[in-house]
C-alpha cells in the first residue's frame, strides 16, 4: 500500500508492505468494532452531550430563515465556544434534512426548510 500526500509543507511518500498473515490480523482488528457497533445500535441511544448546542444551532438558522456560510459559521462558533465545534455544527446542518444548501455568489447559502 502506498500513501502519498503532505503534512503541512512536508511531502509524504510512505509504502507499507504487509505479509498475508499481517493483512488477516489487521482485518480481524477492523471487524471487532463493527460487531460492537452493531450491538450498540440495538440498545436505545443515550442523548448526545451536544444536543443542546445542536438544538440551538437549528434555532439560529430557523429564526433567520437563511444565512450565508461564513455568517452562520461565525454565529455557530460563538454558540459552541470554539471554531472546531462551530464547524461540526455547520457540517451537521449541511447534512440535515431540515436544511437546504445552495451555492451563492461568494459562499454557500443555508436555507431552513423545516
C-alpha atoms as a PDB file:
ATOM      1  CA  UNK A   1       0.000   0.000   0.000  1.00  0.00           C
ATOM      2  CA  UNK A   2       1.370   3.428  -0.892  1.00  0.00           C
ATOM      3  CA  UNK A   3       0.327   6.662   0.789  1.00  0.00           C
ATOM      4  CA  UNK A   4       1.259   9.982  -0.751  1.00  0.00           C
ATOM      5  CA  UNK A   5       0.373  13.494   0.345  1.00  0.00           C
ATOM      6  CA  UNK A   6       1.562  16.304   2.553  1.00  0.00           C
ATOM      7  CA  UNK A   7       1.683  17.136   6.221  1.00  0.00           C
ATOM      8  CA  UNK A   8       1.902  20.907   6.282  1.00  0.00           C
ATOM      9  CA  UNK A   9       4.734  21.795   3.899  1.00  0.00           C
ATOM     10  CA  UNK A  10       6.357  18.358   4.158  1.00  0.00           C
ATOM     11  CA  UNK A  11       5.792  15.866   1.361  1.00  0.00           C
ATOM     12  CA  UNK A  12       4.898  12.338   2.456  1.00  0.00           C
ATOM     13  CA  UNK A  13       5.529   9.201   0.407  1.00  0.00           C
ATOM     14  CA  UNK A  14       5.017   6.100   2.524  1.00  0.00           C
ATOM     15  CA  UNK A  15       4.982   2.480   1.409  1.00  0.00           C
ATOM     16  CA  UNK A  16       3.561  -0.238   3.672  1.00  0.00           C
ATOM     17  CA  UNK A  17       4.332  -3.854   2.932  1.00  0.00           C
ATOM     18  CA  UNK A  18       2.418  -6.498   4.869  1.00  0.00           C
ATOM     19  CA  UNK A  19       2.525 -10.275   4.652  1.00  0.00           C
ATOM     20  CA  UNK A  20      -0.795 -12.088   4.052  1.00  0.00           C
ATOM     21  CA  UNK A  21      -0.967 -13.085   7.730  1.00  0.00           C
ATOM     22  CA  UNK A  22      -0.474  -9.458   8.779  1.00  0.00           C
ATOM     23  CA  UNK A  23      -3.307  -8.339   6.450  1.00  0.00           C
ATOM     24  CA  UNK A  24      -5.533 -11.014   8.003  1.00  0.00           C
ATOM     25  CA  UNK A  25      -4.663  -9.827  11.508  1.00  0.00           C
ATOM     26  CA  UNK A  26      -5.422  -6.234  10.514  1.00  0.00           C
ATOM     27  CA  UNK A  27      -8.758  -7.350   9.050  1.00  0.00           C
ATOM     28  CA  UNK A  28      -9.708  -9.102  12.283  1.00  0.00           C
ATOM     29  CA  UNK A  29      -8.985  -5.945  14.268  1.00  0.00           C
ATOM     30  CA  UNK A  30     -11.182  -3.895  11.952  1.00  0.00           C
ATOM     31  CA  UNK A  31     -14.086  -6.370  12.229  1.00  0.00           C
ATOM     32  CA  UNK A  32     -14.287  -6.157  16.031  1.00  0.00           C
ATOM     33  CA  UNK A  33     -15.541  -2.521  16.190  1.00  0.00           C
ATOM     34  CA  UNK A  34     -18.203  -3.287  13.558  1.00  0.00           C
ATOM     35  CA  UNK A  35     -19.596  -6.090  15.738  1.00  0.00           C
ATOM     36  CA  UNK A  36     -19.555  -3.822  18.793  1.00  0.00           C
ATOM     37  CA  UNK A  37     -21.257  -1.062  16.802  1.00  0.00           C
ATOM     38  CA  UNK A  38     -23.982  -3.434  15.605  1.00  0.00           C
ATOM     39  CA  UNK A  39     -24.800  -4.470  19.164  1.00  0.00           C
ATOM     40  CA  UNK A  40     -24.817  -0.892  20.408  1.00  0.00           C
ATOM     41  CA  UNK A  41     -27.411   0.134  17.815  1.00  0.00           C
ATOM     42  CA  UNK A  42     -29.827  -2.428  19.249  1.00  0.00           C
ATOM     43  CA  UNK A  43     -29.872  -0.523  22.543  1.00  0.00           C
ATOM     44  CA  UNK A  44     -31.604   2.846  22.812  1.00  0.00           C
ATOM     45  CA  UNK A  45     -29.143   5.650  22.217  1.00  0.00           C
ATOM     46  CA  UNK A  46     -28.325   7.937  25.090  1.00  0.00           C
ATOM     47  CA  UNK A  47     -28.804  11.637  24.371  1.00  0.00           C
ATOM     48  CA  UNK A  48     -25.676  13.240  22.951  1.00  0.00           C
ATOM     49  CA  UNK A  49     -23.946  15.774  25.133  1.00  0.00           C
ATOM     50  CA  UNK A  50     -24.069  18.383  22.383  1.00  0.00           C
ATOM     51  CA  UNK A  51     -27.816  18.037  21.729  1.00  0.00           C
ATOM     52  CA  UNK A  52     -28.366  21.398  23.412  1.00  0.00           C
ATOM     53  CA  UNK A  53     -25.913  23.045  21.010  1.00  0.00           C
ATOM     54  CA  UNK A  54     -27.494  21.205  18.072  1.00  0.00           C
ATOM     55  CA  UNK A  55     -30.950  22.447  19.054  1.00  0.00           C
ATOM     56  CA  UNK A  56     -29.609  25.997  19.441  1.00  0.00           C
ATOM     57  CA  UNK A  57     -27.816  25.817  16.054  1.00  0.00           C
ATOM     58  CA  UNK A  58     -31.026  24.710  14.346  1.00  0.00           C
ATOM     59  CA  UNK A  59     -32.896  27.544  16.073  1.00  0.00           C
ATOM     60  CA  UNK A  60     -30.353  30.126  14.831  1.00  0.00           C
ATOM     61  CA  UNK A  61     -30.945  29.105  11.223  1.00  0.00           C
ATOM     62  CA  UNK A  62     -34.699  28.609  11.684  1.00  0.00           C
ATOM     63  CA  UNK A  63     -35.088  32.118  13.131  1.00  0.00           C
ATOM     64  CA  UNK A  64     -33.037  33.674  10.329  1.00  0.00           C
ATOM     65  CA  UNK A  65     -34.678  31.646   7.566  1.00  0.00           C
ATOM     66  CA  UNK A  66     -31.459  31.740   5.560  1.00  0.00           C
ATOM     67  CA  UNK A  67     -27.832  32.701   6.170  1.00  0.00           C
ATOM     68  CA  UNK A  68     -24.627  32.623   4.169  1.00  0.00           C
ATOM     69  CA  UNK A  69     -21.993  30.120   5.285  1.00  0.00           C
ATOM     70  CA  UNK A  70     -19.429  32.491   6.838  1.00  0.00           C
ATOM     71  CA  UNK A  71     -22.096  34.393   8.796  1.00  0.00           C
ATOM     72  CA  UNK A  72     -23.660  31.158  10.021  1.00  0.00           C
ATOM     73  CA  UNK A  73     -20.260  29.716  10.968  1.00  0.00           C
ATOM     74  CA  UNK A  74     -19.484  32.885  12.932  1.00  0.00           C
ATOM     75  CA  UNK A  75     -22.739  32.530  14.882  1.00  0.00           C
ATOM     76  CA  UNK A  76     -22.140  28.815  15.485  1.00  0.00           C
ATOM     77  CA  UNK A  77     -18.585  29.409  16.708  1.00  0.00           C
ATOM     78  CA  UNK A  78     -19.945  31.870  19.279  1.00  0.00           C
ATOM     79  CA  UNK A  79     -22.640  29.414  20.268  1.00  0.00           C
ATOM     80  CA  UNK A  80     -20.315  26.413  20.568  1.00  0.00           C
ATOM     81  CA  UNK A  81     -17.345  28.248  22.054  1.00  0.00           C
ATOM     82  CA  UNK A  82     -14.729  27.173  19.500  1.00  0.00           C
ATOM     83  CA  UNK A  83     -14.061  27.141  15.779  1.00  0.00           C
ATOM     84  CA  UNK A  84     -13.865  23.333  15.641  1.00  0.00           C
ATOM     85  CA  UNK A  85     -17.184  22.866  17.450  1.00  0.00           C
ATOM     86  CA  UNK A  86     -18.797  25.521  15.244  1.00  0.00           C
ATOM     87  CA  UNK A  87     -17.589  23.711  12.116  1.00  0.00           C
ATOM     88  CA  UNK A  88     -19.012  20.411  13.408  1.00  0.00           C
ATOM     89  CA  UNK A  89     -22.400  22.057  13.873  1.00  0.00           C
ATOM     90  CA  UNK A  90     -22.189  23.594  10.388  1.00  0.00           C
ATOM     91  CA  UNK A  91     -21.475  20.163   8.865  1.00  0.00           C
ATOM     92  CA  UNK A  92     -24.395  18.694  10.795  1.00  0.00           C
ATOM     93  CA  UNK A  93     -26.657  21.436   9.455  1.00  0.00           C
ATOM     94  CA  UNK A  94     -25.396  20.876   5.910  1.00  0.00           C
ATOM     95  CA  UNK A  95     -26.438  17.221   6.110  1.00  0.00           C
ATOM     96  CA  UNK A  96     -29.718  17.798   7.930  1.00  0.00           C
ATOM     97  CA  UNK A  97     -32.989  17.119   6.105  1.00  0.00           C
ATOM     98  CA  UNK A  98     -34.278  20.380   7.593  1.00  0.00           C
ATOM     99  CA  UNK A  99     -31.685  22.450   5.729  1.00  0.00           C
ATOM    100  CA  UNK A 100     -31.144  23.155   2.043  1.00  0.00           C
ATOM    101  CA  UNK A 101     -27.745  24.438   0.918  1.00  0.00           C
ATOM    102  CA  UNK A 102     -27.378  26.419  -2.306  1.00  0.00           C
ATOM    103  CA  UNK A 103     -24.265  27.776  -3.957  1.00  0.00           C
ATOM    104  CA  UNK A 104     -24.173  31.548  -3.533  1.00  0.00           C
ATOM    105  CA  UNK A 105     -22.031  34.025  -5.449  1.00  0.00           C
ATOM    106  CA  UNK A 106     -19.310  34.067  -2.800  1.00  0.00           C
ATOM    107  CA  UNK A 107     -20.346  31.411  -0.273  1.00  0.00           C
ATOM    108  CA  UNK A 108     -22.953  28.689   0.255  1.00  0.00           C
ATOM    109  CA  UNK A 109     -26.351  29.854   1.479  1.00  0.00           C
ATOM    110  CA  UNK A 110     -28.119  27.761   4.126  1.00  0.00           C
ATOM    111  CA  UNK A 111     -31.949  27.770   3.998  1.00  0.00           C
ATOM    112  CA  UNK A 112     -34.210  26.437   6.743  1.00  0.00           C
ATOM    113  CA  UNK A 113     -36.851  24.177   5.195  1.00  0.00           C
ATOM    114  CA  UNK A 114     -38.070  22.599   8.439  1.00  0.00           C
END
